[in-house]
Amino acid sequence: MSHDVIATDLVAGTWNVDPSHSEVAFTVRHLMSKVRGTFADFAAEITTGGSNPTDATVSAVIKLSSINTNNAQRDGHIKSADFFDPATGSEMTFVSTGISENDGEYVINGDLTINGVTKGVALAADFLGVAVDAYGATRLGVEARTSINRKDFKVDFNVPLDGGKLLIGDKVDITLTIEAVKA
């Protein structure tokens, strides 16, 4: 896969994610299809150390109550202790522990915390470069994706079906489309 990275334009500094130009999305198996959803309330900060994206750090907070799967009844159930335990916090957090690059392929390693459980995850990332928008703001673009097992984070509600099958799959695919503005 080819990556068009404008690393020479990446300068040291702090970048704040622009939620109006970013998305935190997921998919999970439901019966024979997939449910897609997003989180609308999130914030993240990227700190770059210079022209090399591997020198960056990332921290993010996602409000679990901002989930949207385009079904109000399902969203209400997901916000309950069956999925996201209010007793252990109302946020999902991510803090990077390192970024590596091999032949243009980037991996953001970090600690993901959901329901009070912290596990290491690796996100395959595409650094899309840096550009100045029409209003003079310098912006950084990144796309990243990973898969987690929801049961690893105490998100283990399910409904048994005939034939030993379950209503909800364990694997959750997460996709981040991020545009950040230099502070």
C-alpha atoms as a PDB file:
ATOM      1  CA  MET A   1       0.000   0.000   0.000  1.00  0.00           C
ATOM      2  CA  SER A   2       1.342   3.403  -0.920  1.00  0.00           C
ATOM      3  CA  HIS A   3       1.238   6.257   1.579  1.00  0.00           C
ATOM      4  CA  ASP A   4       1.571   9.872   0.558  1.00  0.00           C
ATOM      5  CA  VAL A   5       3.201  11.355   3.642  1.00  0.00           C
ATOM      6  CA  ILE A   6       4.324  14.954   3.733  1.00  0.00           C
ATOM      7  CA  ALA A   7       6.722  14.325   6.613  1.00  0.00           C
ATOM      8  CA  THR A   8       8.876  17.343   5.803  1.00  0.00           C
ATOM      9  CA  ASP A   9       5.875  19.566   6.610  1.00  0.00           C
ATOM     10  CA  LEU A  10       5.350  17.922  10.009  1.00  0.00           C
ATOM     11  CA  VAL A  11       6.714  20.269  12.648  1.00  0.00           C
ATOM     12  CA  ALA A  12       7.019  19.926  16.396  1.00  0.00           C
ATOM     13  CA  GLY A  13       3.984  20.994  18.358  1.00  0.00           C
ATOM     14  CA  THR A  14       0.570  20.153  19.718  1.00  0.00           C
ATOM     15  CA  TRP A  15      -2.369  19.285  17.490  1.00  0.00           C
ATOM     16  CA  ASN A  16      -5.987  19.176  18.687  1.00  0.00           C
ATOM     17  CA  VAL A  17      -8.432  16.900  16.923  1.00  0.00           C
ATOM     18  CA  ASP A  18     -11.167  18.760  15.055  1.00  0.00           C
ATOM     19  CA  PRO A  19     -14.296  16.682  15.809  1.00  0.00           C
ATOM     20  CA  SER A  20     -16.262  18.298  12.974  1.00  0.00           C
ATOM     21  CA  HIS A  21     -13.754  16.841  10.488  1.00  0.00           C
ATOM     22  CA  SER A  22     -13.021  13.573  12.311  1.00  0.00           C
ATOM     23  CA  GLU A  23     -14.835  10.341  13.082  1.00  0.00           C
ATOM     24  CA  VAL A  24     -14.569   7.538  15.631  1.00  0.00           C
ATOM     25  CA  ALA A  25     -16.453   4.597  14.129  1.00  0.00           C
ATOM     26  CA  PHE A  26     -16.902   0.879  14.775  1.00  0.00           C
ATOM     27  CA  THR A  27     -18.568  -2.221  13.385  1.00  0.00           C
ATOM     28  CA  VAL A  28     -19.605  -5.394  15.184  1.00  0.00           C
ATOM     29  CA  ARG A  29     -21.366  -8.523  13.955  1.00  0.00           C
ATOM     30  CA  HIS A  30     -25.094  -8.763  14.759  1.00  0.00           C
ATOM     31  CA  LEU A  31     -26.774 -11.963  13.557  1.00  0.00           C
ATOM     32  CA  MET A  32     -25.789 -12.209   9.869  1.00  0.00           C
ATOM     33  CA  SER A  33     -24.952  -8.540   9.300  1.00  0.00           C
ATOM     34  CA  LYS A  34     -22.912  -5.834  10.974  1.00  0.00           C
ATOM     35  CA  VAL A  35     -24.004  -2.920  13.103  1.00  0.00           C
ATOM     36  CA  ARG A  36     -22.134   0.281  12.434  1.00  0.00           C
ATOM     37  CA  GLY A  37     -21.848   3.096  14.892  1.00  0.00           C
ATOM     38  CA  THR A  38     -19.968   6.212  15.868  1.00  0.00           C
ATOM     39  CA  PHE A  39     -19.107   8.203  18.960  1.00  0.00           C
ATOM     40  CA  ALA A  40     -19.945  11.903  18.595  1.00  0.00           C
ATOM     41  CA  ASP A  41     -18.209  13.286  21.693  1.00  0.00           C
ATOM     42  CA  PHE A  42     -14.458  12.822  21.704  1.00  0.00           C
ATOM     43  CA  ALA A  43     -11.271  14.805  22.096  1.00  0.00           C
ATOM     44  CA  ALA A  44      -7.676  13.966  21.320  1.00  0.00           C
ATOM     45  CA  GLU A  45      -4.299  15.597  21.345  1.00  0.00           C
ATOM     46  CA  ILE A  46      -1.355  14.699  19.160  1.00  0.00           C
ATOM     47  CA  THR A  47       2.088  15.943  20.107  1.00  0.00           C
ATOM     48  CA  THR A  48       4.736  15.841  17.413  1.00  0.00           C
ATOM     49  CA  GLY A  49       8.442  16.052  18.045  1.00  0.00           C
ATOM     50  CA  GLY A  50       9.481  17.116  14.566  1.00  0.00           C
ATOM     51  CA  SER A  51       9.353  15.839  10.998  1.00  0.00           C
ATOM     52  CA  ASN A  52       9.219  12.130  11.887  1.00  0.00           C
ATOM     53  CA  PRO A  53       5.695  10.820  12.669  1.00  0.00           C
ATOM     54  CA  THR A  54       7.230   8.114  14.891  1.00  0.00           C
ATOM     55  CA  ASP A  55       8.199  10.856  17.371  1.00  0.00           C
ATOM     56  CA  ALA A  56       4.524  11.694  18.007  1.00  0.00           C
ATOM     57  CA  THR A  57       2.345  10.858  21.010  1.00  0.00           C
ATOM     58  CA  VAL A  58      -1.431  10.573  21.114  1.00  0.00           C
ATOM     59  CA  SER A  59      -3.979  10.768  23.911  1.00  0.00           C
ATOM     60  CA  ALA A  60      -7.740  10.532  23.416  1.00  0.00           C
ATOM     61  CA  VAL A  61     -10.949  10.513  25.450  1.00  0.00           C
ATOM     62  CA  ILE A  62     -14.249   9.252  24.043  1.00  0.00           C
ATOM     63  CA  LYS A  63     -17.543   9.773  25.883  1.00  0.00           C
ATOM     64  CA  LEU A  64     -19.326   6.425  25.840  1.00  0.00           C
ATOM     65  CA  SER A  65     -22.735   8.096  26.220  1.00  0.00           C
ATOM     66  CA  SER A  66     -22.272   9.682  22.774  1.00  0.00           C
ATOM     67  CA  ILE A  67     -22.673   6.355  20.950  1.00  0.00           C
ATOM     68  CA  ASN A  68     -24.917   6.409  17.883  1.00  0.00           C
ATOM     69  CA  THR A  69     -25.918   3.270  15.970  1.00  0.00           C
ATOM     70  CA  ASN A  70     -28.941   4.919  14.327  1.00  0.00           C
ATOM     71  CA  ASN A  71     -31.296   3.045  16.662  1.00  0.00           C
ATOM     72  CA  ALA A  72     -32.341   4.855  19.861  1.00  0.00           C
ATOM     73  CA  GLN A  73     -33.485   1.686  21.650  1.00  0.00           C
ATOM     74  CA  ARG A  74     -30.221  -0.127  20.909  1.00  0.00           C
ATOM     75  CA  ASP A  75     -28.170   2.955  21.863  1.00  0.00           C
ATOM     76  CA  GLY A  76     -30.007   3.116  25.199  1.00  0.00           C
ATOM     77  CA  HIS A  77     -29.210  -0.540  25.878  1.00  0.00           C
ATOM     78  CA  ILE A  78     -25.545  -0.096  24.946  1.00  0.00           C
ATOM     79  CA  LYS A  79     -25.291   2.807  27.407  1.00  0.00           C
ATOM     80  CA  SER A  80     -26.432   0.495  30.223  1.00  0.00           C
ATOM     81  CA  ALA A  81     -24.253  -1.640  32.501  1.00  0.00           C
ATOM     82  CA  ASP A  82     -24.788  -4.561  30.080  1.00  0.00           C
ATOM     83  CA  PHE A  83     -22.158  -2.955  27.837  1.00  0.00           C
ATOM     84  CA  PHE A  84     -20.521   0.164  29.287  1.00  0.00           C
ATOM     85  CA  ASP A  85     -20.539  -0.034  33.056  1.00  0.00           C
ATOM     86  CA  PRO A  86     -21.327   3.435  34.459  1.00  0.00           C
ATOM     87  CA  ALA A  87     -19.699   2.411  37.765  1.00  0.00           C
ATOM     88  CA  THR A  88     -16.253   2.167  36.114  1.00  0.00           C
ATOM     89  CA  GLY A  89     -16.449   5.397  34.182  1.00  0.00           C
ATOM     90  CA  SER A  90     -18.250   6.999  31.306  1.00  0.00           C
ATOM     91  CA  GLU A  91     -15.202   7.324  29.074  1.00  0.00           C
ATOM     92  CA  MET A  92     -13.001   5.227  26.840  1.00  0.00           C
ATOM     93  CA  THR A  93      -9.390   6.413  26.783  1.00  0.00           C
ATOM     94  CA  PHE A  94      -6.367   5.767  24.620  1.00  0.00           C
ATOM     95  CA  VAL A  95      -2.762   6.759  25.370  1.00  0.00           C
ATOM     96  CA  SER A  96      -0.028   5.906  22.887  1.00  0.00           C
ATOM     97  CA  THR A  97       3.073   4.069  24.068  1.00  0.00           C
ATOM     98  CA  GLY A  98       5.002   4.310  20.796  1.00  0.00           C
ATOM     99  CA  ILE A  99       4.750   4.669  17.038  1.00  0.00           C
ATOM    100  CA  SER A 100       6.751   2.564  14.631  1.00  0.00           C
ATOM    101  CA  GLU A 101       7.213   2.640  10.867  1.00  0.00           C
ATOM    102  CA  ASN A 102       8.308  -0.068   8.495  1.00  0.00           C
ATOM    103  CA  ASP A 103       8.446   0.657   4.766  1.00  0.00           C
ATOM    104  CA  GLY A 104       5.791   3.363   4.957  1.00  0.00           C
ATOM    105  CA  GLU A 105       3.506   1.303   7.202  1.00  0.00           C
ATOM    106  CA  TYR A 106       2.858   2.948  10.577  1.00  0.00           C
ATOM    107  CA  VAL A 107       1.667   1.295  13.792  1.00  0.00           C
ATOM    108  CA  ILE A 108       0.456   3.269  16.792  1.00  0.00           C
ATOM    109  CA  ASN A 109       0.785   1.159  19.941  1.00  0.00           C
ATOM    110  CA  GLY A 110      -1.033   2.214  23.067  1.00  0.00           C
ATOM    111  CA  ASP A 111      -3.200   1.470  26.057  1.00  0.00           C
ATOM    112  CA  LEU A 112      -6.972   1.381  25.539  1.00  0.00           C
ATOM    113  CA  THR A 113      -9.191   1.571  28.627  1.00  0.00           C
ATOM    114  CA  ILE A 114     -12.868   0.592  28.581  1.00  0.00           C
ATOM    115  CA  ASN A 115     -14.964  -0.324  31.649  1.00  0.00           C
ATOM    116  CA  GLY A 116     -11.931   0.118  33.880  1.00  0.00           C
ATOM    117  CA  VAL A 117      -9.917  -2.483  31.925  1.00  0.00           C
ATOM    118  CA  THR A 118      -6.696  -1.392  30.193  1.00  0.00           C
ATOM    119  CA  LYS A 119      -5.193  -3.469  27.393  1.00  0.00           C
ATOM    120  CA  GLY A 120      -2.499  -2.808  24.834  1.00  0.00           C
ATOM    121  CA  VAL A 121      -3.702  -2.330  21.259  1.00  0.00           C
ATOM    122  CA  ALA A 122      -1.975  -1.686  17.938  1.00  0.00           C
ATOM    123  CA  LEU A 123      -3.535   0.585  15.331  1.00  0.00           C
ATOM    124  CA  ALA A 124      -2.454   0.364  11.699  1.00  0.00           C
ATOM    125  CA  ALA A 125      -2.164   3.998  10.640  1.00  0.00           C
ATOM    126  CA  ASP A 126      -1.883   6.051   7.489  1.00  0.00           C
ATOM    127  CA  PHE A 127      -0.330   9.477   8.024  1.00  0.00           C
ATOM    128  CA  LEU A 128      -1.970  11.571   5.324  1.00  0.00           C
ATOM    129  CA  GLY A 129       0.243  14.598   5.697  1.00  0.00           C
ATOM    130  CA  VAL A 130      -0.013  18.231   6.668  1.00  0.00           C
ATOM    131  CA  ALA A 131      -1.693  21.095   4.820  1.00  0.00           C
ATOM    132  CA  VAL A 132      -2.819  24.647   5.418  1.00  0.00           C
ATOM    133  CA  ASP A 133      -6.578  25.123   5.031  1.00  0.00           C
ATOM    134  CA  ALA A 134      -8.361  28.052   3.373  1.00  0.00           C
ATOM    135  CA  TYR A 135      -8.373  29.952   6.694  1.00  0.00           C
ATOM    136  CA  GLY A 136      -4.646  29.618   7.373  1.00  0.00           C
ATOM    137  CA  ALA A 137      -4.879  26.811   9.957  1.00  0.00           C
ATOM    138  CA  THR A 138      -2.306  24.029   9.680  1.00  0.00           C
ATOM    139  CA  ARG A 139      -3.972  20.606   9.716  1.00  0.00           C
ATOM    140  CA  LEU A 140      -2.686  17.050  10.122  1.00  0.00           C
ATOM    141  CA  GLY A 141      -4.501  14.021   8.708  1.00  0.00           C
ATOM    142  CA  VAL A 142      -4.386  10.454  10.049  1.00  0.00           C
ATOM    143  CA  GLU A 143      -6.482   7.346   9.504  1.00  0.00           C
ATOM    144  CA  ALA A 144      -6.120   4.360  11.830  1.00  0.00           C
ATOM    145  CA  ARG A 145      -7.806   1.036  12.384  1.00  0.00           C
ATOM    146  CA  THR A 146      -7.707  -1.860  14.799  1.00  0.00           C
ATOM    147  CA  SER A 147      -9.809  -4.755  16.024  1.00  0.00           C
ATOM    148  CA  ILE A 148     -10.458  -5.657  19.631  1.00  0.00           C
ATOM    149  CA  ASN A 149     -12.259  -8.448  21.432  1.00  0.00           C
ATOM    150  CA  ARG A 150     -15.011  -6.684  23.369  1.00  0.00           C
ATOM    151  CA  LYS A 151     -14.957  -9.368  26.086  1.00  0.00           C
ATOM    152  CA  ASP A 152     -11.371  -8.335  26.938  1.00  0.00           C
ATOM    153  CA  PHE A 153     -12.902  -5.051  28.181  1.00  0.00           C
ATOM    154  CA  LYS A 154     -15.822  -6.547  30.159  1.00  0.00           C
ATOM    155  CA  VAL A 155     -18.268  -5.851  27.337  1.00  0.00           C
ATOM    156  CA  ASP A 156     -19.656  -9.357  27.420  1.00  0.00           C
ATOM    157  CA  PHE A 157     -23.457  -9.084  27.140  1.00  0.00           C
ATOM    158  CA  ASN A 158     -24.923 -11.500  24.599  1.00  0.00           C
ATOM    159  CA  VAL A 159     -28.057 -13.460  23.746  1.00  0.00           C
ATOM    160  CA  PRO A 160     -27.796 -17.164  22.887  1.00  0.00           C
ATOM    161  CA  LEU A 161     -29.513 -18.258  19.670  1.00  0.00           C
ATOM    162  CA  ASP A 162     -30.520 -21.616  18.257  1.00  0.00           C
ATOM    163  CA  GLY A 163     -27.656 -23.827  17.136  1.00  0.00           C
ATOM    164  CA  GLY A 164     -25.233 -22.498  19.741  1.00  0.00           C
ATOM    165  CA  LYS A 165     -24.811 -19.149  17.999  1.00  0.00           C
ATOM    166  CA  LEU A 166     -24.780 -15.759  19.694  1.00  0.00           C
ATOM    167  CA  LEU A 167     -26.550 -12.519  18.772  1.00  0.00           C
ATOM    168  CA  ILE A 168     -23.435 -10.293  18.956  1.00  0.00           C
ATOM    169  CA  GLY A 169     -19.924 -11.025  17.703  1.00  0.00           C
ATOM    170  CA  ASP A 170     -16.907 -10.610  19.966  1.00  0.00           C
ATOM    171  CA  LYS A 171     -14.736  -8.787  17.411  1.00  0.00           C
ATOM    172  CA  VAL A 172     -15.158  -5.015  17.152  1.00  0.00           C
ATOM    173  CA  ASP A 173     -13.486  -3.232  14.240  1.00  0.00           C
ATOM    174  CA  ILE A 174     -12.553   0.377  15.059  1.00  0.00           C
ATOM    175  CA  THR A 175     -11.794   3.005  12.430  1.00  0.00           C
ATOM    176  CA  LEU A 176     -10.523   6.506  13.162  1.00  0.00           C
ATOM    177  CA  THR A 177     -10.506   9.276  10.594  1.00  0.00           C
ATOM    178  CA  ILE A 178      -8.717  12.194  12.196  1.00  0.00           C
ATOM    179  CA  GLU A 179      -8.025  15.767  11.201  1.00  0.00           C
ATOM    180  CA  ALA A 180      -6.151  17.791  13.804  1.00  0.00           C
ATOM    181  CA  VAL A 181      -5.387  21.502  13.953  1.00  0.00           C
ATOM    182  CA  LYS A 182      -2.032  22.804  15.138  1.00  0.00           C
ATOM    183  CA  ALA A 183      -2.478  24.622  18.440  1.00  0.00           C
END
